[in-house]
Amino acid sequence: MADKTPFETAREALMRLTARKLPPTPVNYQSVYNEIAGTPNVTAFPDEALRAVARTLPARTPFQKQQKEALERAVGQASWEAVQRVFVGYASLDEPKVDPAGFPASATAELREQIARVVENALPALDADDPRFSQQAAVLIKALRDPSADRTKLKTALTEFSHRLSFAAEDQAEIRSTLLKLLHLIIQNIGEISMDDGWLKRQLDALSTSATPPLTLRRLDDLERRLHDVMRKQIDAKGRTLEAQDEMRKMLATFIERLAQMTESTSTFHNNMEHSARLLEQAKSMDEVSPVLRSVISATRLIATEVKATRDELREMREKVTASEAQIVKLHEELNAATAQARHDALTGALNRKGLDEAMARELADVRRKEVPLCVALLDIDNFKKLNDSKGHDAGDAALNHLVAVTRECMRGQDTLARYGGEEFVILMPDTTMENGIEAMMRLQRALTRQYFLAGNEQILITFSAGVAQFEADETPESAIKRADQAMYLAKRQGRNRVLGA
């Protein structure tokens, strides 16, 4: 008998359902169809129904959470055996014991442990010089972790600690306020004793802003960096000023010495002239006059030579003074330019590689200290070479600035933008998971579609492809950026104007 076509098998299945007076449900139809086709009748795995069951299961204890996660994995693997093990595990759970207050014993123990951890975590931020306060904290933590501790004594210890804690917190707030006042006084004093310097004034203004509450570790890091810059600038300027002052002292000493020599030479010349005048008055013949005239001419030549030498030396000293002044001015200009360009890209104003390295080190320190996520995005403008070739390099530069301006509008205050090279940019996103980092880059893409770039009178849509990587434990910046770069190139190959995670 020839094999039946699927159409014939389906028609016969409907006829048998009618003959057997079975309702045409999907299960009945599948069973009859498999019977006619001679294929095994395998029931579909009810993954959606089991996921709905998993969502309703309690997860109040660590064991319950573990079992619930195991059920979700079993459903994902379509494994009935694993599902059975999970339900058996749930069935074996004992009924939780309840304390006299009506709370499960496990919940009470967990709450005590959480309070103990809160106390331990609060201690480093408070004054550790008070032995009584440290002793109270130790007693409270021990009582919280002792299941047999008397509840009344525990309540008393917690009340006493809370009372002492309020005083310690007030002391810390007052200490911080006083330290900030002292810091502002130091900044103000630096400004008053420093030379008139536009760069220094801007730095001091930035210092004052950074030292204004509310304070964050990020702002304190920025404050420390700016203080280092101001100190280095003052040291450089002081060194050059001392060198200039020393040079001026040497030149002034030389000038006084030459002036004394000129005075002495002039006095000698004056005496010679008086002596020669007396000899001329007494001369009675030309033979007596000639030696006197030769002496006068010789003395005149000598004084003229000395005057010329002194004049040349003084001119040389004046040129040295002028050169020193020009060098000091140039030094200040170079320091200003170097400070502005040390961490920032000259074209776009975004951070350059050096600034990115410093920001990366700062953010990674936060990641390791706080155990928070950190994402890095590497984006590259699509078809940038074509834009440069068709519209010119000026239009290309303007397009880069347009991208930076729109990016800054979309960025959060804690995000960092850096120009990585050419038309590539890096964005650091603290406290951001991979999923949220990808979403942030997609928001930036949508913002660029609303804000066209104008090249002359022509509107041009700027798009970019991006790769996003979330830093892994102990991962280096180079490794994370490399992963983001690989994802970015994959986005390019998939059609551009895309964002992919690494």
Protein backbone atom coordinates (compact mmCIF):
# COMPACT_ATOMS: atom_id res chain seq x y z
CA MET A 1 0.00 0.00 0.00
CA ALA A 2 1.40 3.35 -1.05
CA ASP A 3 2.15 5.91 1.65
CA LYS A 4 -0.67 8.33 2.19
CA THR A 5 -0.15 12.01 1.63
CA PRO A 6 -0.44 14.34 4.67
CA PHE A 7 -3.72 15.64 3.20
CA GLU A 8 -5.16 12.12 2.96
CA THR A 9 -3.96 11.27 6.49
CA ALA A 10 -5.57 14.40 7.89
CA ARG A 11 -8.89 13.69 6.16
CA GLU A 12 -8.97 10.08 7.42
CA ALA A 13 -8.11 11.29 10.95
CA LEU A 14 -11.18 13.54 10.93
CA MET A 15 -13.33 10.66 9.67
CA ARG A 16 -12.12 8.32 12.47
CA LEU A 17 -12.75 11.00 15.10
CA THR A 18 -16.33 11.23 13.81
CA ALA A 19 -16.74 7.45 13.69
CA ARG A 20 -15.44 7.03 17.25
CA LYS A 21 -17.53 9.97 18.44
CA LEU A 22 -14.47 11.70 19.90
CA PRO A 23 -14.35 15.50 20.28
CA PRO A 24 -11.89 17.07 17.74
CA THR A 25 -9.49 18.35 20.38
CA PRO A 26 -5.79 18.86 19.48
CA VAL A 27 -4.81 15.90 21.70
CA ASN A 28 -7.39 13.51 20.13
CA TYR A 29 -6.57 14.68 16.63
CA GLN A 30 -2.81 14.23 17.21
CA SER A 31 -3.35 10.72 18.61
CA VAL A 32 -5.49 9.54 15.64
CA TYR A 33 -3.23 11.23 13.09
CA ASN A 34 -0.13 9.49 14.54
CA GLU A 35 -2.04 6.19 14.59
CA ILE A 36 -2.83 6.45 10.86
CA ALA A 37 0.66 7.76 9.93
CA GLY A 38 2.36 5.06 12.04
CA THR A 39 4.40 7.58 14.02
CA PRO A 40 4.94 7.60 17.83
CA ASN A 41 2.38 9.57 19.76
CA VAL A 42 4.56 11.84 21.94
CA THR A 43 2.77 14.33 24.14
CA ALA A 44 4.19 17.89 23.95
CA PHE A 45 6.05 19.07 27.03
CA PRO A 46 3.80 21.59 28.91
CA ASP A 47 6.54 24.13 29.48
CA GLU A 48 4.26 27.18 29.75
CA ALA A 49 2.01 25.49 32.29
CA LEU A 50 4.99 24.38 34.37
CA ARG A 51 6.51 27.88 34.24
CA ALA A 52 3.22 29.24 35.55
CA VAL A 53 3.44 26.73 38.41
CA ALA A 54 7.06 27.78 39.10
CA ARG A 55 6.02 31.42 39.39
CA THR A 56 3.53 30.57 42.15
CA LEU A 57 5.98 28.55 44.26
CA PRO A 58 7.29 30.28 47.44
CA ALA A 59 10.94 31.33 47.60
CA ARG A 60 11.25 32.65 51.15
CA THR A 61 14.16 30.46 52.25
CA PRO A 62 17.46 29.72 50.49
CA PHE A 63 16.39 26.08 49.95
CA GLN A 64 13.07 27.14 48.41
CA LYS A 65 14.89 29.56 46.10
CA GLN A 66 17.26 26.77 45.10
CA GLN A 67 14.39 24.38 44.33
CA LYS A 68 12.50 27.05 42.38
CA GLU A 69 15.55 27.79 40.23
CA ALA A 70 16.03 24.04 39.68
CA LEU A 71 12.42 23.76 38.46
CA GLU A 72 12.93 26.61 35.99
CA ARG A 73 16.05 24.87 34.65
CA ALA A 74 14.18 21.55 34.37
CA VAL A 75 11.39 23.20 32.38
CA GLY A 76 13.95 24.83 30.10
CA GLN A 77 15.51 21.40 29.48
CA ALA A 78 12.08 19.73 29.04
CA SER A 79 13.14 17.07 31.55
CA TRP A 80 10.32 15.28 33.38
CA GLU A 81 12.84 13.50 35.58
CA ALA A 82 14.30 16.83 36.80
CA VAL A 83 10.78 18.21 37.35
CA GLN A 84 9.92 15.18 39.46
CA ARG A 85 13.03 15.62 41.63
CA VAL A 86 12.09 19.27 42.30
CA PHE A 87 8.55 18.42 43.39
CA VAL A 88 9.84 15.64 45.63
CA GLY A 89 12.25 18.14 47.17
CA TYR A 90 9.42 20.58 47.87
CA ALA A 91 7.32 17.79 49.37
CA SER A 92 10.13 16.85 51.77
CA LEU A 93 10.31 20.33 53.30
CA ASP A 94 9.26 20.38 56.98
CA GLU A 95 6.68 22.83 58.17
CA PRO A 96 8.52 25.93 59.47
CA LYS A 97 8.58 26.46 63.18
CA VAL A 98 6.87 29.57 64.47
CA ASP A 99 8.07 31.74 67.35
CA PRO A 100 5.67 33.11 70.00
CA ALA A 101 5.35 36.38 68.10
CA GLY A 102 3.84 34.59 65.13
CA PHE A 103 6.87 34.85 62.81
CA PRO A 104 8.56 31.78 61.32
CA ALA A 105 11.76 30.92 63.18
CA SER A 106 13.76 31.01 59.94
CA ALA A 107 12.49 34.52 59.21
CA THR A 108 13.42 35.71 62.72
CA ALA A 109 16.94 34.27 62.45
CA GLU A 110 17.38 35.80 59.02
CA LEU A 111 16.19 39.20 60.30
CA ARG A 112 18.64 39.06 63.20
CA GLU A 113 21.51 38.23 60.84
CA GLN A 114 20.54 41.14 58.56
CA ILE A 115 20.53 43.56 61.52
CA ALA A 116 23.94 42.24 62.64
CA ARG A 117 25.32 42.86 59.15
CA VAL A 118 23.87 46.38 59.13
CA VAL A 119 25.66 47.13 62.41
CA GLU A 120 28.96 45.70 61.11
CA ASN A 121 28.72 47.65 57.85
CA ALA A 122 27.92 50.90 59.68
CA LEU A 123 30.92 50.74 62.02
CA PRO A 124 33.65 51.71 59.47
CA ALA A 125 31.76 54.91 58.63
CA LEU A 126 31.61 55.99 62.28
CA ASP A 127 34.13 57.01 64.91
CA ALA A 128 36.20 53.98 65.90
CA ASP A 129 38.07 55.89 68.64
CA ASP A 130 35.27 55.45 71.19
CA PRO A 131 35.90 52.11 73.00
CA ARG A 132 32.48 52.21 74.65
CA PHE A 133 30.74 52.48 71.29
CA SER A 134 32.81 49.62 69.83
CA GLN A 135 32.05 47.50 72.89
CA GLN A 136 28.30 48.16 72.59
CA ALA A 137 28.42 47.17 68.91
CA ALA A 138 30.28 43.93 69.67
CA VAL A 139 27.79 42.98 72.42
CA LEU A 140 24.83 43.71 70.15
CA ILE A 141 26.24 41.70 67.22
CA LYS A 142 26.95 38.72 69.50
CA ALA A 143 23.41 38.84 70.94
CA LEU A 144 21.84 39.09 67.49
CA ARG A 145 23.65 35.95 66.36
CA ASP A 146 22.85 33.99 69.51
CA PRO A 147 19.50 32.14 69.03
CA SER A 148 19.18 31.66 72.82
CA ALA A 149 19.69 35.34 73.67
CA ASP A 150 17.01 36.90 75.89
CA ARG A 151 14.73 39.06 73.76
CA THR A 152 14.31 41.72 76.43
CA LYS A 153 18.08 42.13 76.85
CA LEU A 154 18.44 42.15 73.06
CA LYS A 155 15.87 44.93 72.78
CA THR A 156 17.68 46.95 75.49
CA ALA A 157 21.05 46.50 73.77
CA LEU A 158 19.57 47.55 70.43
CA THR A 159 17.98 50.67 71.99
CA GLU A 160 21.25 51.71 73.67
CA PHE A 161 23.21 51.16 70.49
CA SER A 162 20.68 53.14 68.43
CA HIS A 163 20.91 56.03 70.92
CA ARG A 164 24.72 56.04 70.79
CA LEU A 165 24.62 55.65 67.02
CA SER A 166 22.61 58.86 66.62
CA PHE A 167 25.29 60.81 68.53
CA ALA A 168 28.09 59.24 66.48
CA ALA A 169 26.30 60.09 63.23
CA GLU A 170 25.85 63.71 64.35
CA ASP A 171 29.56 63.90 65.25
CA GLN A 172 30.57 62.54 61.84
CA ALA A 173 28.30 65.02 60.07
CA GLU A 174 29.80 67.90 62.06
CA ILE A 175 33.35 66.67 61.38
CA ARG A 176 32.64 66.47 57.65
CA SER A 177 31.15 69.96 57.63
CA THR A 178 34.17 71.39 59.47
CA LEU A 179 36.63 69.63 57.16
CA LEU A 180 34.81 71.05 54.15
CA LYS A 181 35.07 74.55 55.63
CA LEU A 182 38.81 74.06 56.17
CA LEU A 183 39.19 72.82 52.60
CA HIS A 184 37.40 75.88 51.23
CA LEU A 185 39.66 78.13 53.33
CA ILE A 186 42.73 76.38 51.87
CA ILE A 187 41.41 76.79 48.32
CA GLN A 188 40.66 80.46 48.97
CA ASN A 189 44.14 81.01 50.43
CA ILE A 190 45.79 79.36 47.40
CA GLY A 191 43.91 81.75 45.14
CA GLU A 192 44.95 84.81 47.15
CA ILE A 193 48.68 83.99 47.28
CA SER A 194 48.93 82.86 43.66
CA MET A 195 49.83 85.04 40.72
CA ASP A 196 47.14 86.34 38.41
CA ASP A 197 46.59 83.25 36.29
CA GLY A 198 43.42 82.52 34.32
CA TRP A 199 44.02 78.77 34.28
CA LEU A 200 44.63 78.67 38.02
CA LYS A 201 41.48 80.67 38.70
CA ARG A 202 39.40 78.24 36.64
CA GLN A 203 40.92 75.29 38.48
CA LEU A 204 40.22 76.87 41.87
CA ASP A 205 36.62 77.56 40.87
CA ALA A 206 36.29 73.91 39.85
CA LEU A 207 37.81 72.84 43.17
CA SER A 208 35.25 74.88 45.08
CA THR A 209 32.45 73.32 43.04
CA SER A 210 33.79 69.79 43.60
CA ALA A 211 34.02 70.40 47.35
CA THR A 212 30.37 71.48 47.60
CA PRO A 213 27.87 68.96 49.06
CA PRO A 214 26.44 66.52 48.26
CA LEU A 215 29.78 64.72 48.09
CA THR A 216 30.32 61.47 46.22
CA LEU A 217 33.42 59.34 45.76
CA ARG A 218 33.43 60.38 42.10
CA ARG A 219 33.49 64.07 43.01
CA LEU A 220 36.17 63.49 45.65
CA ASP A 221 38.33 61.67 43.07
CA ASP A 222 37.91 64.64 40.76
CA LEU A 223 38.77 67.01 43.62
CA GLU A 224 41.97 65.06 44.38
CA ARG A 225 42.99 65.09 40.72
CA ARG A 226 42.43 68.84 40.38
CA LEU A 227 44.38 69.52 43.57
CA HIS A 228 47.31 67.58 42.14
CA ASP A 229 47.07 69.65 38.94
CA VAL A 230 47.06 72.93 40.88
CA MET A 231 50.00 71.86 43.03
CA ARG A 232 52.01 70.75 39.99
CA LYS A 233 51.24 74.00 38.17
CA GLN A 234 52.28 76.07 41.17
CA ILE A 235 55.51 74.09 41.59
CA ASP A 236 56.37 74.58 37.91
CA ALA A 237 55.56 78.27 38.00
CA LYS A 238 57.47 78.76 41.26
CA GLY A 239 60.54 77.01 39.82
CA ARG A 240 60.56 79.13 36.70
CA THR A 241 59.97 82.29 38.74
CA LEU A 242 62.89 81.49 41.04
CA GLU A 243 65.09 80.83 38.01
CA ALA A 244 64.06 84.16 36.51
CA GLN A 245 64.69 85.97 39.79
CA ASP A 246 68.14 84.38 40.08
CA GLU A 247 68.92 85.40 36.51
CA MET A 248 67.76 88.94 37.24
CA ARG A 249 69.95 89.10 40.36
CA LYS A 250 72.99 87.96 38.37
CA MET A 251 72.32 90.47 35.63
CA LEU A 252 71.78 93.28 38.16
CA ALA A 253 75.05 92.38 39.89
CA THR A 254 76.84 92.43 36.53
CA PHE A 255 75.24 95.76 35.68
CA ILE A 256 76.38 97.30 39.00
CA GLU A 257 79.87 95.89 38.48
CA ARG A 258 80.07 97.33 34.97
CA LEU A 259 78.68 100.63 36.18
CA ALA A 260 81.38 100.77 38.86
CA GLN A 261 84.02 99.98 36.26
CA MET A 262 82.64 102.73 34.00
CA THR A 263 82.67 105.17 36.93
CA GLU A 264 86.27 104.26 37.73
CA SER A 265 87.30 104.49 34.07
CA THR A 266 85.50 107.81 33.67
CA SER A 267 87.19 109.15 36.80
CA THR A 268 90.61 108.05 35.51
CA PHE A 269 89.81 109.55 32.09
CA HIS A 270 88.73 112.79 33.76
CA ASN A 271 91.99 112.97 35.76
CA ASN A 272 93.99 112.26 32.61
CA MET A 273 92.15 114.99 30.80
CA GLU A 274 92.87 117.52 33.58
CA HIS A 275 96.54 116.50 33.67
CA SER A 276 96.78 116.79 29.87
CA ALA A 277 95.09 120.20 29.98
CA ARG A 278 97.68 121.45 32.46
CA LEU A 279 100.50 120.11 30.27
CA LEU A 280 99.01 121.82 27.24
CA GLU A 281 98.82 125.11 29.10
CA GLN A 282 102.49 124.80 30.03
CA ALA A 283 103.68 123.66 26.58
CA LYS A 284 105.80 126.17 24.71
CA SER A 285 106.44 124.21 21.50
CA MET A 286 104.84 121.61 19.26
CA ASP A 287 107.34 119.02 20.46
CA GLU A 288 105.87 119.34 23.96
CA VAL A 289 102.26 119.29 22.64
CA SER A 290 102.52 116.10 20.53
CA PRO A 291 103.07 113.64 23.44
CA VAL A 292 100.16 115.17 25.30
CA LEU A 293 97.87 114.82 22.29
CA ARG A 294 98.89 111.18 21.82
CA SER A 295 98.10 110.53 25.48
CA VAL A 296 94.69 112.21 25.13
CA ILE A 297 93.89 110.22 21.98
CA SER A 298 94.96 106.94 23.66
CA ALA A 299 92.86 107.65 26.76
CA THR A 300 89.88 108.61 24.62
CA ARG A 301 90.15 105.44 22.61
CA LEU A 302 90.42 103.37 25.78
CA ILE A 303 87.32 104.92 27.34
CA ALA A 304 85.43 104.57 24.06
CA THR A 305 86.35 100.87 23.90
CA GLU A 306 85.26 100.30 27.47
CA VAL A 307 81.99 102.17 26.91
CA LYS A 308 81.29 100.13 23.80
CA ALA A 309 82.07 96.85 25.59
CA THR A 310 79.86 97.82 28.50
CA ARG A 311 77.07 98.91 26.15
CA ASP A 312 77.26 95.58 24.29
CA GLU A 313 77.22 93.64 27.54
CA LEU A 314 74.24 95.60 28.85
CA ARG A 315 72.42 95.03 25.55
CA GLU A 316 73.12 91.32 25.86
CA MET A 317 71.78 91.32 29.42
CA ARG A 318 68.65 93.15 28.29
CA GLU A 319 68.12 90.57 25.57
CA LYS A 320 68.49 87.80 28.18
CA VAL A 321 65.88 89.50 30.37
CA THR A 322 63.50 89.78 27.44
CA ALA A 323 64.12 86.14 26.51
CA SER A 324 63.51 85.04 30.12
CA GLU A 325 60.24 86.96 30.25
CA ALA A 326 59.15 85.44 26.93
CA GLN A 327 60.11 81.98 28.17
CA ILE A 328 58.02 82.40 31.33
CA VAL A 329 55.03 83.56 29.28
CA LYS A 330 55.52 80.64 26.91
CA LEU A 331 55.77 78.25 29.86
CA HIS A 332 52.44 79.44 31.25
CA GLU A 333 50.83 79.13 27.82
CA GLU A 334 52.22 75.63 27.35
CA LEU A 335 51.09 74.60 30.82
CA ASN A 336 47.59 75.92 30.10
CA ALA A 337 47.46 74.12 26.77
CA ALA A 338 48.95 70.93 28.20
CA THR A 339 46.45 70.92 31.06
CA ALA A 340 43.54 71.38 28.68
CA GLN A 341 44.80 68.80 26.21
CA ALA A 342 46.26 66.26 28.65
CA ARG A 343 42.94 64.51 29.08
CA HIS A 344 40.69 65.97 26.38
CA ASP A 345 40.44 65.64 22.63
CA ALA A 346 41.21 69.00 20.99
CA LEU A 347 38.44 68.70 18.36
CA THR A 348 35.43 67.39 20.26
CA GLY A 349 36.25 68.19 23.89
CA ALA A 350 35.61 64.56 24.86
CA LEU A 351 38.24 62.72 26.89
CA ASN A 352 41.20 61.38 24.96
CA ARG A 353 42.97 58.05 25.57
CA LYS A 354 44.84 59.37 28.62
CA GLY A 355 41.63 60.74 30.13
CA LEU A 356 39.86 57.47 29.32
CA ASP A 357 42.57 55.45 31.07
CA GLU A 358 42.20 57.56 34.22
CA ALA A 359 38.40 57.33 34.13
CA MET A 360 38.59 53.57 33.54
CA ALA A 361 40.91 53.09 36.52
CA ARG A 362 38.59 55.17 38.70
CA GLU A 363 35.46 53.26 37.66
CA LEU A 364 37.13 49.85 38.04
CA ALA A 365 38.16 50.81 41.58
CA ASP A 366 34.48 51.48 42.32
CA VAL A 367 33.49 48.17 40.72
CA ARG A 368 35.88 46.19 42.89
CA ARG A 369 35.04 48.16 46.03
CA LYS A 370 31.25 48.14 45.68
CA GLU A 371 30.76 45.06 43.46
CA VAL A 372 28.53 46.98 41.03
CA PRO A 373 28.27 46.37 37.26
CA LEU A 374 30.20 48.49 34.75
CA CYS A 375 29.58 48.57 31.00
CA VAL A 376 31.76 49.92 28.21
CA ALA A 377 30.38 50.73 24.76
CA LEU A 378 32.52 51.21 21.65
CA LEU A 379 30.70 52.98 18.83
CA ASP A 380 31.83 53.81 15.31
CA ILE A 381 30.09 56.24 12.92
CA ASP A 382 28.71 54.45 9.87
CA ASN A 383 30.03 55.47 6.43
CA PHE A 384 32.21 58.21 7.91
CA LYS A 385 34.83 57.97 5.14
CA LYS A 386 32.13 58.49 2.53
CA LEU A 387 30.95 61.61 4.39
CA ASN A 388 34.53 62.93 4.56
CA ASP A 389 35.17 62.27 0.87
CA SER A 390 31.90 63.76 -0.37
CA LYS A 391 31.50 66.73 2.01
CA GLY A 392 35.09 67.45 3.04
CA HIS A 393 37.02 67.11 6.28
CA ASP A 394 35.38 70.20 7.80
CA ALA A 395 32.00 68.49 7.49
CA GLY A 396 33.50 65.33 8.97
CA ASP A 397 34.80 67.29 11.98
CA ALA A 398 31.40 68.94 12.40
CA ALA A 399 29.72 65.51 12.27
CA LEU A 400 31.98 64.29 15.10
CA ASN A 401 31.05 67.33 17.20
CA HIS A 402 27.37 66.75 16.40
CA LEU A 403 27.60 63.15 17.65
CA VAL A 404 29.35 64.28 20.84
CA ALA A 405 26.73 67.00 21.49
CA VAL A 406 23.79 64.58 21.08
CA THR A 407 25.58 61.92 23.16
CA ARG A 408 26.09 64.34 26.04
CA GLU A 409 22.38 65.17 25.99
CA CYS A 410 21.53 61.46 26.34
CA MET A 411 24.23 60.52 28.85
CA ARG A 412 23.75 60.39 32.60
CA GLY A 413 25.90 62.54 34.87
CA GLN A 414 28.02 59.57 35.94
CA ASP A 415 28.71 58.35 32.38
CA THR A 416 32.02 59.12 30.66
CA LEU A 417 32.54 59.89 26.95
CA ALA A 418 35.95 59.56 25.28
CA ARG A 419 37.20 59.74 21.70
CA TYR A 420 38.98 56.46 21.09
CA GLY A 421 40.41 57.35 17.69
CA GLY A 422 39.13 58.69 14.35
CA GLU A 423 35.37 58.25 14.33
CA GLU A 424 35.36 55.77 17.25
CA PHE A 425 34.11 56.74 20.70
CA VAL A 426 33.96 54.92 24.04
CA ILE A 427 31.24 55.42 26.65
CA LEU A 428 31.71 54.16 30.22
CA MET A 429 28.44 53.44 32.02
CA PRO A 430 28.77 52.76 35.78
CA ASP A 431 26.08 50.81 37.67
CA THR A 432 24.86 49.46 34.32
CA THR A 433 24.21 45.89 33.23
CA MET A 434 24.70 44.61 29.70
CA GLU A 435 20.98 44.81 28.95
CA ASN A 436 20.70 48.40 30.16
CA GLY A 437 23.89 49.38 28.32
CA ILE A 438 22.49 48.10 25.02
CA GLU A 439 19.23 49.96 25.68
CA ALA A 440 21.17 53.19 26.37
CA MET A 441 22.99 52.92 23.03
CA MET A 442 19.70 52.29 21.23
CA ARG A 443 18.24 55.42 22.85
CA LEU A 444 21.21 57.37 21.53
CA GLN A 445 20.55 55.98 18.05
CA ARG A 446 16.93 57.12 18.25
CA ALA A 447 18.03 60.58 19.41
CA LEU A 448 20.31 60.89 16.37
CA THR A 449 17.38 60.10 14.07
CA ARG A 450 15.50 63.06 15.57
CA GLN A 451 18.43 65.48 15.36
CA TYR A 452 19.75 65.65 11.82
CA PHE A 453 23.27 66.84 11.08
CA LEU A 454 23.44 69.88 8.79
CA ALA A 455 26.22 69.93 6.18
CA GLY A 456 25.63 73.35 4.68
CA ASN A 457 21.93 73.30 3.85
CA GLU A 458 21.74 69.51 3.51
CA GLN A 459 20.32 67.34 6.28
CA ILE A 460 22.34 64.18 6.87
CA LEU A 461 21.37 61.31 9.15
CA ILE A 462 24.28 60.25 11.35
CA THR A 463 24.16 56.59 12.45
CA PHE A 464 26.60 54.38 14.28
CA SER A 465 27.25 50.74 15.06
CA ALA A 466 28.15 49.80 18.61
CA GLY A 467 29.32 46.92 20.75
CA VAL A 468 28.63 46.77 24.50
CA ALA A 469 30.60 44.72 27.03
CA GLN A 470 30.01 44.33 30.75
CA PHE A 471 33.20 44.03 32.77
CA GLU A 472 33.80 40.57 34.16
CA ALA A 473 35.53 39.84 37.46
CA ASP A 474 39.17 41.00 37.37
CA GLU A 475 38.93 41.81 33.65
CA THR A 476 41.36 44.38 32.26
CA PRO A 477 40.15 47.48 30.37
CA GLU A 478 41.95 46.27 27.23
CA SER A 479 40.07 42.97 27.30
CA ALA A 480 36.64 44.58 27.80
CA ILE A 481 37.21 47.13 25.02
CA LYS A 482 38.43 44.36 22.72
CA ARG A 483 35.21 42.42 23.31
CA ALA A 484 33.13 45.54 22.67
CA ASP A 485 35.17 46.18 19.49
CA GLN A 486 34.47 42.65 18.21
CA ALA A 487 30.75 43.09 18.86
CA MET A 488 30.84 46.47 17.07
CA TYR A 489 32.42 44.95 13.94
CA LEU A 490 29.82 42.18 14.00
CA ALA A 491 27.12 44.87 14.11
CA LYS A 492 28.77 46.50 11.06
CA ARG A 493 28.68 43.22 9.16
CA GLN A 494 25.01 42.68 10.04
CA GLY A 495 23.97 45.90 8.31
CA ARG A 496 25.20 48.86 10.42
CA ASN A 497 23.15 51.09 12.73
CA ARG A 498 22.96 48.20 15.20
CA VAL A 499 23.95 47.55 18.80
CA LEU A 500 25.23 44.14 19.89
CA GLY A 501 26.39 42.82 23.23
CA ALA A 502 29.73 41.12 23.65
